N, C-alpha and C. Protein backbone atom coordinates (compact mmCIF):
# COMPACT_ATOMS: atom_id res chain seq x y z
N MET A 1 4.36 -16.08 6.63
CA MET A 1 3.11 -16.29 7.35
C MET A 1 2.17 -17.14 6.47
N THR A 2 1.92 -18.38 6.87
CA THR A 2 1.08 -19.26 6.07
C THR A 2 -0.37 -18.79 6.04
N GLU A 3 -0.79 -18.01 7.07
CA GLU A 3 -2.17 -17.52 7.07
C GLU A 3 -2.39 -16.49 5.97
N LEU A 4 -1.34 -16.10 5.27
CA LEU A 4 -1.47 -15.15 4.16
C LEU A 4 -1.65 -15.84 2.81
N ASP A 5 -1.84 -17.14 2.80
CA ASP A 5 -2.03 -17.85 1.53
C ASP A 5 -3.22 -17.29 0.75
N GLY A 6 -4.32 -17.00 1.44
CA GLY A 6 -5.49 -16.43 0.78
C GLY A 6 -5.21 -15.05 0.22
N PHE A 7 -4.41 -14.28 0.93
CA PHE A 7 -4.01 -12.95 0.47
C PHE A 7 -3.24 -13.06 -0.84
N TRP A 8 -2.23 -13.93 -0.88
CA TRP A 8 -1.41 -14.07 -2.09
C TRP A 8 -2.26 -14.58 -3.26
N ALA A 9 -3.15 -15.51 -2.99
CA ALA A 9 -4.02 -16.04 -4.06
C ALA A 9 -4.93 -14.94 -4.60
N ALA A 10 -5.50 -14.13 -3.70
CA ALA A 10 -6.36 -13.03 -4.14
C ALA A 10 -5.57 -11.99 -4.92
N LEU A 11 -4.35 -11.71 -4.48
CA LEU A 11 -3.49 -10.75 -5.18
C LEU A 11 -3.18 -11.23 -6.59
N ASP A 12 -2.85 -12.49 -6.72
CA ASP A 12 -2.52 -13.04 -8.04
C ASP A 12 -3.72 -13.08 -8.97
N ALA A 13 -4.93 -13.05 -8.41
CA ALA A 13 -6.14 -13.15 -9.23
C ALA A 13 -6.65 -11.80 -9.75
N VAL A 14 -6.06 -10.69 -9.29
CA VAL A 14 -6.54 -9.37 -9.72
C VAL A 14 -6.13 -9.14 -11.18
N PRO A 15 -7.10 -8.88 -12.07
CA PRO A 15 -6.76 -8.67 -13.48
C PRO A 15 -5.91 -7.42 -13.67
N VAL A 16 -5.11 -7.44 -14.74
CA VAL A 16 -4.21 -6.33 -15.05
C VAL A 16 -4.57 -5.77 -16.42
N ALA A 17 -4.98 -4.50 -16.44
CA ALA A 17 -5.29 -3.84 -17.71
C ALA A 17 -4.00 -3.45 -18.42
N ALA A 18 -4.12 -3.05 -19.68
CA ALA A 18 -2.94 -2.65 -20.45
C ALA A 18 -2.27 -1.41 -19.88
N ASP A 19 -3.03 -0.58 -19.15
CA ASP A 19 -2.47 0.62 -18.56
C ASP A 19 -2.31 0.47 -17.04
N ALA A 20 -1.89 -0.73 -16.64
CA ALA A 20 -1.56 -1.02 -15.25
C ALA A 20 -0.42 -2.03 -15.23
N GLU A 21 0.33 -2.01 -14.16
CA GLU A 21 1.47 -2.92 -14.02
C GLU A 21 1.25 -3.82 -12.82
N ALA A 22 1.34 -5.12 -13.04
CA ALA A 22 1.24 -6.08 -11.94
C ALA A 22 2.56 -6.06 -11.18
N LEU A 23 2.53 -5.50 -9.98
CA LEU A 23 3.77 -5.31 -9.23
C LEU A 23 4.36 -6.59 -8.67
N TYR A 24 3.53 -7.59 -8.42
CA TYR A 24 4.00 -8.78 -7.71
C TYR A 24 3.96 -10.05 -8.57
N SER A 25 4.10 -9.88 -9.86
CA SER A 25 4.09 -11.02 -10.77
C SER A 25 5.30 -11.92 -10.53
N ALA A 26 5.02 -13.21 -10.36
CA ALA A 26 6.10 -14.18 -10.19
C ALA A 26 6.82 -14.45 -11.50
N GLY A 27 6.32 -13.87 -12.60
CA GLY A 27 6.91 -14.11 -13.92
C GLY A 27 7.98 -13.11 -14.33
N THR A 28 8.28 -12.12 -13.49
CA THR A 28 9.33 -11.15 -13.82
C THR A 28 10.29 -11.02 -12.64
N ALA A 29 11.54 -10.67 -12.93
CA ALA A 29 12.54 -10.49 -11.86
C ALA A 29 12.12 -9.36 -10.92
N GLU A 30 11.57 -8.29 -11.51
CA GLU A 30 11.12 -7.16 -10.68
C GLU A 30 9.97 -7.58 -9.77
N GLY A 31 9.04 -8.35 -10.33
CA GLY A 31 7.90 -8.82 -9.55
C GLY A 31 8.32 -9.74 -8.41
N VAL A 32 9.28 -10.61 -8.67
CA VAL A 32 9.78 -11.52 -7.63
C VAL A 32 10.44 -10.72 -6.51
N LEU A 33 11.23 -9.71 -6.87
CA LEU A 33 11.87 -8.87 -5.86
C LEU A 33 10.83 -8.14 -5.01
N ARG A 34 9.85 -7.53 -5.67
CA ARG A 34 8.82 -6.81 -4.91
C ARG A 34 8.01 -7.76 -4.04
N ARG A 35 7.74 -8.94 -4.56
CA ARG A 35 6.97 -9.93 -3.80
C ARG A 35 7.75 -10.35 -2.55
N GLU A 36 9.04 -10.55 -2.69
CA GLU A 36 9.87 -10.92 -1.54
C GLU A 36 9.90 -9.79 -0.52
N ASN A 37 10.03 -8.55 -1.00
CA ASN A 37 10.04 -7.41 -0.07
C ASN A 37 8.70 -7.26 0.64
N LEU A 38 7.60 -7.46 -0.09
CA LEU A 38 6.28 -7.38 0.55
C LEU A 38 6.14 -8.48 1.60
N SER A 39 6.61 -9.67 1.29
CA SER A 39 6.54 -10.77 2.25
C SER A 39 7.34 -10.44 3.50
N ARG A 40 8.53 -9.88 3.32
CA ARG A 40 9.35 -9.50 4.48
C ARG A 40 8.66 -8.42 5.30
N TYR A 41 8.05 -7.47 4.62
CA TYR A 41 7.33 -6.39 5.30
C TYR A 41 6.17 -6.95 6.13
N LEU A 42 5.36 -7.79 5.52
CA LEU A 42 4.21 -8.35 6.23
C LEU A 42 4.63 -9.25 7.39
N ASP A 43 5.72 -9.98 7.22
CA ASP A 43 6.24 -10.81 8.32
C ASP A 43 6.72 -9.94 9.48
N ALA A 44 7.29 -8.78 9.16
CA ALA A 44 7.84 -7.91 10.21
C ALA A 44 6.77 -7.09 10.90
N VAL A 45 5.82 -6.53 10.14
CA VAL A 45 4.85 -5.59 10.70
C VAL A 45 3.50 -6.24 11.00
N GLY A 46 3.15 -7.26 10.25
CA GLY A 46 1.83 -7.87 10.38
C GLY A 46 1.48 -8.43 11.75
N PRO A 47 2.37 -9.24 12.36
CA PRO A 47 2.02 -9.81 13.66
C PRO A 47 1.80 -8.71 14.71
N GLY A 48 0.65 -8.72 15.31
CA GLY A 48 0.36 -7.74 16.35
C GLY A 48 -0.27 -6.45 15.86
N ALA A 49 -0.25 -6.20 14.55
CA ALA A 49 -0.84 -4.96 14.02
C ALA A 49 -2.35 -4.99 14.22
N ASP A 50 -2.91 -3.84 14.65
CA ASP A 50 -4.36 -3.78 14.81
C ASP A 50 -4.99 -2.75 13.88
N THR A 51 -4.17 -2.11 13.05
CA THR A 51 -4.66 -1.08 12.13
C THR A 51 -4.11 -1.35 10.73
N LEU A 52 -4.97 -1.14 9.74
CA LEU A 52 -4.55 -1.23 8.34
C LEU A 52 -4.74 0.15 7.71
N LEU A 53 -3.64 0.73 7.21
CA LEU A 53 -3.68 2.00 6.48
C LEU A 53 -3.82 1.67 5.01
N VAL A 54 -4.88 2.15 4.37
CA VAL A 54 -5.13 1.78 2.99
C VAL A 54 -5.09 3.01 2.08
N ALA A 55 -4.21 2.96 1.11
CA ALA A 55 -4.12 4.00 0.09
C ALA A 55 -4.97 3.58 -1.11
N GLU A 56 -5.01 4.44 -2.11
CA GLU A 56 -5.81 4.15 -3.30
C GLU A 56 -5.08 3.19 -4.24
N ALA A 57 -3.82 3.50 -4.57
CA ALA A 57 -3.04 2.68 -5.51
C ALA A 57 -1.56 3.01 -5.35
N PRO A 58 -0.68 2.10 -5.76
CA PRO A 58 0.75 2.37 -5.69
C PRO A 58 1.16 3.51 -6.63
N GLY A 59 2.12 4.29 -6.19
CA GLY A 59 2.67 5.36 -7.03
C GLY A 59 3.95 4.91 -7.69
N TRP A 60 4.28 5.55 -8.82
CA TRP A 60 5.44 5.11 -9.60
C TRP A 60 6.77 5.44 -8.93
N ARG A 61 6.78 6.33 -7.98
CA ARG A 61 8.03 6.69 -7.32
C ARG A 61 8.34 5.83 -6.08
N GLY A 62 7.34 5.13 -5.55
CA GLY A 62 7.55 4.42 -4.29
C GLY A 62 7.35 2.92 -4.38
N MET A 63 6.13 2.50 -4.10
CA MET A 63 5.79 1.08 -4.01
C MET A 63 6.09 0.32 -5.31
N THR A 64 6.03 0.99 -6.45
CA THR A 64 6.32 0.30 -7.71
C THR A 64 7.79 -0.11 -7.79
N ASN A 65 8.64 0.57 -7.06
CA ASN A 65 10.06 0.19 -7.01
C ASN A 65 10.33 -0.86 -5.94
N THR A 66 9.84 -0.60 -4.74
CA THR A 66 10.23 -1.40 -3.58
C THR A 66 9.32 -2.59 -3.31
N GLY A 67 8.05 -2.47 -3.69
CA GLY A 67 7.08 -3.50 -3.35
C GLY A 67 6.49 -3.32 -1.96
N VAL A 68 7.01 -2.38 -1.21
CA VAL A 68 6.55 -2.12 0.16
C VAL A 68 5.68 -0.87 0.15
N PRO A 69 4.44 -0.97 0.65
CA PRO A 69 3.54 0.18 0.63
C PRO A 69 4.14 1.41 1.34
N PHE A 70 3.90 2.58 0.73
CA PHE A 70 4.39 3.85 1.27
C PHE A 70 5.88 3.82 1.58
N THR A 71 6.65 3.16 0.71
CA THR A 71 8.09 3.07 0.92
C THR A 71 8.80 3.28 -0.41
N SER A 72 9.55 4.38 -0.47
CA SER A 72 10.38 4.63 -1.66
C SER A 72 11.80 4.16 -1.37
N MET A 73 12.68 4.35 -2.32
CA MET A 73 14.06 3.90 -2.15
C MET A 73 14.71 4.54 -0.92
N ARG A 74 14.36 5.77 -0.64
CA ARG A 74 14.94 6.50 0.50
C ARG A 74 14.60 5.83 1.83
N GLU A 75 13.41 5.25 1.95
CA GLU A 75 12.99 4.63 3.21
C GLU A 75 13.25 3.13 3.26
N LEU A 76 13.73 2.55 2.18
CA LEU A 76 13.92 1.10 2.12
C LEU A 76 15.05 0.69 3.06
N GLY A 77 14.71 -0.10 4.08
CA GLY A 77 15.70 -0.51 5.07
C GLY A 77 16.59 -1.63 4.59
N PRO A 78 17.64 -1.95 5.36
CA PRO A 78 18.62 -2.96 4.97
C PRO A 78 18.06 -4.38 4.95
N GLN A 79 16.88 -4.59 5.54
CA GLN A 79 16.28 -5.92 5.55
C GLN A 79 15.60 -6.27 4.23
N TYR A 80 15.58 -5.32 3.29
CA TYR A 80 14.89 -5.52 2.02
C TYR A 80 15.87 -5.65 0.85
N LEU A 81 15.38 -6.27 -0.22
CA LEU A 81 16.15 -6.37 -1.46
C LEU A 81 16.08 -5.03 -2.19
N VAL A 82 17.19 -4.65 -2.81
CA VAL A 82 17.26 -3.37 -3.52
C VAL A 82 17.04 -3.60 -5.00
N PRO A 83 16.05 -2.91 -5.59
CA PRO A 83 15.83 -3.05 -7.03
C PRO A 83 17.02 -2.52 -7.82
N PRO A 84 17.40 -3.19 -8.91
CA PRO A 84 18.60 -2.78 -9.66
C PRO A 84 18.43 -1.47 -10.44
N ALA A 85 17.21 -1.14 -10.84
CA ALA A 85 17.01 0.06 -11.66
C ALA A 85 15.74 0.79 -11.23
N PRO A 86 15.76 1.43 -10.05
CA PRO A 86 14.55 2.12 -9.60
C PRO A 86 14.22 3.31 -10.49
N THR A 87 12.93 3.62 -10.60
CA THR A 87 12.49 4.72 -11.46
C THR A 87 12.59 6.08 -10.78
N ALA A 88 12.75 6.08 -9.46
CA ALA A 88 12.87 7.34 -8.71
C ALA A 88 13.53 7.05 -7.36
N PRO A 89 14.29 8.00 -6.82
CA PRO A 89 14.95 7.77 -5.54
C PRO A 89 14.06 8.02 -4.32
N TRP A 90 12.99 8.76 -4.50
CA TRP A 90 12.16 9.10 -3.34
C TRP A 90 10.74 9.43 -3.78
N GLU A 91 9.87 9.46 -2.79
CA GLU A 91 8.48 9.85 -2.99
C GLU A 91 8.07 10.66 -1.76
N ALA A 92 7.51 11.83 -1.97
CA ALA A 92 7.17 12.72 -0.86
C ALA A 92 6.21 12.06 0.14
N SER A 93 5.18 11.39 -0.36
CA SER A 93 4.20 10.77 0.55
C SER A 93 4.86 9.70 1.42
N SER A 94 5.77 8.93 0.85
CA SER A 94 6.46 7.89 1.63
C SER A 94 7.24 8.51 2.78
N ARG A 95 7.91 9.60 2.51
CA ARG A 95 8.70 10.28 3.54
C ARG A 95 7.80 10.72 4.69
N VAL A 96 6.66 11.32 4.36
CA VAL A 96 5.73 11.82 5.38
C VAL A 96 5.16 10.66 6.19
N VAL A 97 4.76 9.60 5.52
CA VAL A 97 4.18 8.44 6.22
C VAL A 97 5.20 7.84 7.18
N HIS A 98 6.42 7.63 6.71
CA HIS A 98 7.45 7.04 7.58
C HIS A 98 7.77 7.94 8.77
N ALA A 99 7.80 9.25 8.55
CA ALA A 99 8.06 10.18 9.65
C ALA A 99 6.94 10.12 10.69
N ALA A 100 5.70 10.06 10.23
CA ALA A 100 4.57 9.98 11.15
C ALA A 100 4.59 8.66 11.92
N LEU A 101 4.86 7.57 11.22
CA LEU A 101 4.84 6.26 11.88
C LEU A 101 6.00 6.09 12.86
N ALA A 102 7.05 6.89 12.71
CA ALA A 102 8.16 6.84 13.67
C ALA A 102 7.70 7.26 15.06
N GLU A 103 6.59 8.01 15.12
CA GLU A 103 6.05 8.47 16.41
C GLU A 103 4.80 7.69 16.83
N TRP A 104 4.43 6.68 16.06
CA TRP A 104 3.24 5.87 16.36
C TRP A 104 3.41 5.17 17.70
N GLN A 105 2.37 5.14 18.49
CA GLN A 105 2.39 4.47 19.79
C GLN A 105 1.74 3.09 19.64
N GLY A 106 2.47 2.07 20.02
CA GLY A 106 1.95 0.71 19.91
C GLY A 106 2.43 0.02 18.65
N PRO A 107 1.86 -1.17 18.34
CA PRO A 107 2.28 -1.90 17.15
C PRO A 107 2.02 -1.07 15.89
N LEU A 108 2.98 -1.04 15.00
CA LEU A 108 2.83 -0.27 13.77
C LEU A 108 1.66 -0.80 12.94
N PRO A 109 0.97 0.10 12.25
CA PRO A 109 -0.07 -0.36 11.32
C PRO A 109 0.56 -0.96 10.07
N VAL A 110 -0.19 -1.81 9.41
CA VAL A 110 0.21 -2.34 8.11
C VAL A 110 -0.39 -1.43 7.05
N ALA A 111 0.38 -1.12 6.02
CA ALA A 111 -0.11 -0.29 4.92
C ALA A 111 -0.40 -1.17 3.71
N TRP A 112 -1.37 -0.74 2.91
CA TRP A 112 -1.74 -1.47 1.69
C TRP A 112 -2.43 -0.50 0.75
N ALA A 113 -2.70 -0.95 -0.49
CA ALA A 113 -3.43 -0.17 -1.48
C ALA A 113 -4.66 -0.95 -1.92
N ILE A 114 -5.81 -0.30 -2.00
CA ILE A 114 -7.04 -1.00 -2.37
C ILE A 114 -6.94 -1.58 -3.77
N PHE A 115 -6.24 -0.90 -4.69
CA PHE A 115 -5.91 -1.49 -6.00
C PHE A 115 -4.42 -1.79 -5.98
N PRO A 116 -4.02 -3.07 -6.00
CA PRO A 116 -2.63 -3.42 -5.76
C PRO A 116 -1.68 -3.27 -6.95
N HIS A 117 -2.23 -3.06 -8.14
CA HIS A 117 -1.36 -2.85 -9.31
C HIS A 117 -1.08 -1.36 -9.47
N HIS A 118 -0.10 -1.03 -10.28
CA HIS A 118 0.22 0.38 -10.52
C HIS A 118 -0.54 0.87 -11.76
N PRO A 119 -1.55 1.73 -11.57
CA PRO A 119 -2.28 2.27 -12.72
C PRO A 119 -1.56 3.51 -13.27
N PHE A 120 -1.33 3.52 -14.57
CA PHE A 120 -0.62 4.65 -15.17
C PHE A 120 -1.37 5.19 -16.39
N VAL A 121 -1.00 6.40 -16.78
CA VAL A 121 -1.58 7.01 -17.97
C VAL A 121 -1.11 6.19 -19.17
N PRO A 122 -2.01 5.77 -20.06
CA PRO A 122 -1.59 4.92 -21.18
C PRO A 122 -0.37 5.48 -21.90
N GLY A 123 0.61 4.60 -22.08
CA GLY A 123 1.82 4.96 -22.80
C GLY A 123 2.92 5.53 -21.94
N ASP A 124 2.67 5.80 -20.66
CA ASP A 124 3.70 6.39 -19.80
C ASP A 124 3.66 5.76 -18.42
N ARG A 125 4.50 4.76 -18.23
CA ARG A 125 4.55 4.03 -16.96
C ARG A 125 4.98 4.92 -15.80
N LEU A 126 5.69 6.00 -16.09
CA LEU A 126 6.17 6.90 -15.03
C LEU A 126 5.14 7.98 -14.72
N THR A 127 3.90 7.56 -14.57
CA THR A 127 2.78 8.41 -14.19
C THR A 127 1.87 7.62 -13.27
N ASN A 128 0.94 8.30 -12.67
CA ASN A 128 -0.10 7.64 -11.88
C ASN A 128 -1.46 8.07 -12.42
N ARG A 129 -2.40 7.15 -12.41
CA ARG A 129 -3.78 7.51 -12.73
C ARG A 129 -4.68 6.92 -11.64
N THR A 130 -5.86 7.47 -11.53
CA THR A 130 -6.82 6.95 -10.57
C THR A 130 -7.33 5.59 -11.05
N PRO A 131 -7.36 4.60 -10.17
CA PRO A 131 -7.90 3.31 -10.61
C PRO A 131 -9.40 3.41 -10.93
N ARG A 132 -9.81 2.66 -11.91
CA ARG A 132 -11.21 2.63 -12.32
C ARG A 132 -12.04 1.90 -11.26
N PRO A 133 -13.34 2.17 -11.21
CA PRO A 133 -14.19 1.47 -10.24
C PRO A 133 -14.07 -0.05 -10.34
N ALA A 134 -13.98 -0.57 -11.54
CA ALA A 134 -13.86 -2.03 -11.71
C ALA A 134 -12.54 -2.54 -11.13
N GLU A 135 -11.48 -1.73 -11.24
CA GLU A 135 -10.18 -2.13 -10.68
C GLU A 135 -10.24 -2.14 -9.16
N VAL A 136 -10.91 -1.15 -8.60
CA VAL A 136 -11.07 -1.10 -7.15
C VAL A 136 -11.86 -2.32 -6.67
N ARG A 137 -12.93 -2.63 -7.38
CA ARG A 137 -13.73 -3.82 -7.00
C ARG A 137 -12.90 -5.09 -7.09
N ALA A 138 -12.04 -5.17 -8.11
CA ALA A 138 -11.21 -6.36 -8.28
C ALA A 138 -10.13 -6.46 -7.20
N GLY A 139 -9.68 -5.30 -6.69
CA GLY A 139 -8.66 -5.30 -5.66
C GLY A 139 -9.19 -5.48 -4.25
N ALA A 140 -10.48 -5.22 -4.06
CA ALA A 140 -11.07 -5.30 -2.72
C ALA A 140 -10.90 -6.65 -2.04
N PRO A 141 -11.05 -7.79 -2.75
CA PRO A 141 -10.87 -9.07 -2.07
C PRO A 141 -9.46 -9.24 -1.47
N VAL A 142 -8.48 -8.59 -2.07
CA VAL A 142 -7.11 -8.68 -1.55
C VAL A 142 -7.06 -7.98 -0.19
N ALA A 143 -7.63 -6.78 -0.12
CA ALA A 143 -7.67 -6.06 1.16
C ALA A 143 -8.45 -6.84 2.21
N LEU A 144 -9.56 -7.43 1.80
CA LEU A 144 -10.37 -8.22 2.74
C LEU A 144 -9.60 -9.43 3.26
N GLU A 145 -8.85 -10.07 2.38
CA GLU A 145 -8.02 -11.21 2.81
C GLU A 145 -6.94 -10.76 3.80
N LEU A 146 -6.36 -9.60 3.55
CA LEU A 146 -5.32 -9.07 4.44
C LEU A 146 -5.92 -8.72 5.80
N ILE A 147 -7.08 -8.09 5.80
CA ILE A 147 -7.77 -7.76 7.04
C ILE A 147 -8.05 -9.03 7.86
N ALA A 148 -8.55 -10.06 7.18
CA ALA A 148 -8.88 -11.31 7.86
C ALA A 148 -7.62 -12.01 8.38
N ALA A 149 -6.57 -12.05 7.57
CA ALA A 149 -5.35 -12.75 7.96
C ALA A 149 -4.66 -12.07 9.14
N LEU A 150 -4.67 -10.75 9.15
CA LEU A 150 -3.98 -10.02 10.22
C LEU A 150 -4.87 -9.82 11.45
N GLY A 151 -6.18 -9.91 11.25
CA GLY A 151 -7.09 -9.69 12.36
C GLY A 151 -7.12 -8.26 12.85
N VAL A 152 -6.92 -7.32 11.93
CA VAL A 152 -6.91 -5.90 12.33
C VAL A 152 -8.32 -5.49 12.77
N ARG A 153 -8.38 -4.55 13.70
CA ARG A 153 -9.68 -4.09 14.22
C ARG A 153 -10.10 -2.77 13.59
N ARG A 154 -9.17 -2.10 12.90
CA ARG A 154 -9.47 -0.77 12.37
C ARG A 154 -8.84 -0.61 10.99
N VAL A 155 -9.64 -0.06 10.06
CA VAL A 155 -9.14 0.25 8.72
C VAL A 155 -9.17 1.76 8.56
N VAL A 156 -8.04 2.32 8.15
CA VAL A 156 -7.90 3.76 7.98
C VAL A 156 -7.60 4.04 6.52
N ALA A 157 -8.43 4.87 5.89
CA ALA A 157 -8.22 5.25 4.49
C ALA A 157 -7.31 6.47 4.44
N VAL A 158 -6.29 6.40 3.62
CA VAL A 158 -5.39 7.52 3.44
C VAL A 158 -5.93 8.36 2.27
N GLY A 159 -6.74 9.34 2.61
CA GLY A 159 -7.36 10.20 1.60
C GLY A 159 -8.80 9.83 1.33
N ARG A 160 -9.55 10.80 0.84
CA ARG A 160 -10.98 10.59 0.54
C ARG A 160 -11.20 9.63 -0.61
N LYS A 161 -10.27 9.66 -1.60
CA LYS A 161 -10.41 8.72 -2.72
C LYS A 161 -10.30 7.28 -2.23
N ALA A 162 -9.34 7.04 -1.35
CA ALA A 162 -9.19 5.70 -0.79
C ALA A 162 -10.41 5.33 0.03
N GLN A 163 -10.95 6.29 0.79
CA GLN A 163 -12.15 6.01 1.59
C GLN A 163 -13.33 5.64 0.69
N GLY A 164 -13.49 6.40 -0.40
CA GLY A 164 -14.56 6.08 -1.34
C GLY A 164 -14.37 4.73 -1.99
N ALA A 165 -13.12 4.41 -2.33
CA ALA A 165 -12.83 3.10 -2.93
C ALA A 165 -13.14 1.99 -1.95
N LEU A 166 -12.77 2.16 -0.69
CA LEU A 166 -13.07 1.16 0.33
C LEU A 166 -14.57 1.01 0.54
N ALA A 167 -15.27 2.15 0.58
CA ALA A 167 -16.73 2.11 0.77
C ALA A 167 -17.41 1.36 -0.37
N SER A 168 -16.93 1.62 -1.60
CA SER A 168 -17.54 0.93 -2.75
C SER A 168 -17.27 -0.57 -2.71
N ALA A 169 -16.23 -0.95 -1.97
CA ALA A 169 -15.91 -2.36 -1.82
C ALA A 169 -16.55 -2.95 -0.57
N GLY A 170 -17.34 -2.14 0.14
CA GLY A 170 -18.02 -2.63 1.33
C GLY A 170 -17.18 -2.61 2.59
N ILE A 171 -16.10 -1.84 2.59
CA ILE A 171 -15.21 -1.77 3.75
C ILE A 171 -15.37 -0.40 4.40
N ASP A 172 -15.79 -0.39 5.66
CA ASP A 172 -15.96 0.87 6.39
C ASP A 172 -14.61 1.31 6.94
N ALA A 173 -14.24 2.55 6.66
CA ALA A 173 -12.94 3.06 7.11
C ALA A 173 -13.05 4.52 7.50
N VAL A 174 -12.31 4.89 8.51
CA VAL A 174 -12.16 6.29 8.86
C VAL A 174 -11.11 6.88 7.92
N ALA A 175 -11.28 8.13 7.52
CA ALA A 175 -10.33 8.74 6.58
C ALA A 175 -9.40 9.71 7.30
N VAL A 176 -8.14 9.71 6.89
CA VAL A 176 -7.19 10.74 7.27
C VAL A 176 -6.77 11.46 6.00
N ARG A 177 -6.31 12.66 6.14
CA ARG A 177 -5.87 13.47 5.00
C ARG A 177 -4.71 12.77 4.29
N HIS A 178 -4.72 12.78 2.97
CA HIS A 178 -3.58 12.25 2.23
C HIS A 178 -2.41 13.20 2.43
N PRO A 179 -1.20 12.68 2.59
CA PRO A 179 -0.07 13.57 2.86
C PRO A 179 0.39 14.42 1.68
N ALA A 180 -0.05 14.10 0.47
CA ALA A 180 0.39 14.85 -0.71
C ALA A 180 -0.30 16.21 -0.80
N GLN A 181 0.27 17.07 -1.62
CA GLN A 181 -0.32 18.36 -1.97
C GLN A 181 -0.71 19.19 -0.74
N GLY A 182 0.25 19.36 0.14
CA GLY A 182 0.05 20.21 1.30
C GLY A 182 -0.63 19.56 2.48
N GLY A 183 -0.81 18.26 2.46
CA GLY A 183 -1.52 17.58 3.55
C GLY A 183 -0.65 16.94 4.60
N ALA A 184 0.66 17.16 4.55
CA ALA A 184 1.58 16.46 5.44
C ALA A 184 1.29 16.71 6.91
N ARG A 185 1.10 17.96 7.29
CA ARG A 185 0.88 18.27 8.70
C ARG A 185 -0.43 17.66 9.21
N GLN A 186 -1.50 17.84 8.44
CA GLN A 186 -2.79 17.31 8.87
C GLN A 186 -2.76 15.78 8.92
N PHE A 187 -2.14 15.16 7.93
CA PHE A 187 -2.00 13.71 7.93
C PHE A 187 -1.30 13.25 9.20
N THR A 188 -0.17 13.87 9.50
CA THR A 188 0.61 13.47 10.67
C THR A 188 -0.19 13.64 11.95
N GLU A 189 -0.88 14.76 12.10
CA GLU A 189 -1.69 15.00 13.31
C GLU A 189 -2.79 13.95 13.44
N GLN A 190 -3.48 13.66 12.33
CA GLN A 190 -4.58 12.70 12.38
C GLN A 190 -4.09 11.29 12.67
N VAL A 191 -2.99 10.90 12.05
CA VAL A 191 -2.45 9.56 12.26
C VAL A 191 -1.99 9.39 13.70
N LEU A 192 -1.30 10.38 14.22
CA LEU A 192 -0.82 10.27 15.61
C LEU A 192 -1.98 10.28 16.61
N ALA A 193 -3.06 10.99 16.29
CA ALA A 193 -4.24 10.94 17.14
C ALA A 193 -4.82 9.53 17.14
N LEU A 194 -4.82 8.87 16.00
CA LEU A 194 -5.32 7.50 15.91
C LEU A 194 -4.44 6.54 16.70
N SER A 195 -3.14 6.79 16.72
CA SER A 195 -2.24 5.88 17.43
C SER A 195 -2.50 5.94 18.93
N ARG A 196 -3.06 7.04 19.41
CA ARG A 196 -3.33 7.18 20.84
C ARG A 196 -4.76 6.75 21.20
N ALA A 197 -5.56 6.48 20.17
CA ALA A 197 -6.98 6.13 20.42
C ALA A 197 -7.13 4.69 20.86
């Protein structure tokens, strides 16, 4: 999708701290693979989508392997490239999101993270940390470019942290419960209610 040129440029411009990993770097084999998978995902789901589901940041078990938001190795379809050395075979949140979206009515929403790099606890890449306010601000233009390119009419924050991050970036979003830590049922109910709205 050529209308995503601004999105890719904004993504490439987000600074990367020492305790974060640039998932879509064109300078690494892993980054190229994730970038190709993200491109395939956006080409498949983006046209016609009217909703953007926004998480806080990629997790080490899912998006950091596949490059596809809310998609771990278990949900990675045959249309995507398979990473040679994934750090985990599955992610609970990815499973819940994919199960809920299987019942979505209408064009599937596009998923994204307000901070597009993987933030980790210093010294341990196989962890997740909350992105700093400055990282959220730096990632916001990427989300704004995606919203503009896709022409979505509704932004949905996955969790209160994501909603707060979006609000701090000037993006108004309705929040649904994050599927982690006992939130799977409520997340699914809220998402399916949105699909019928």
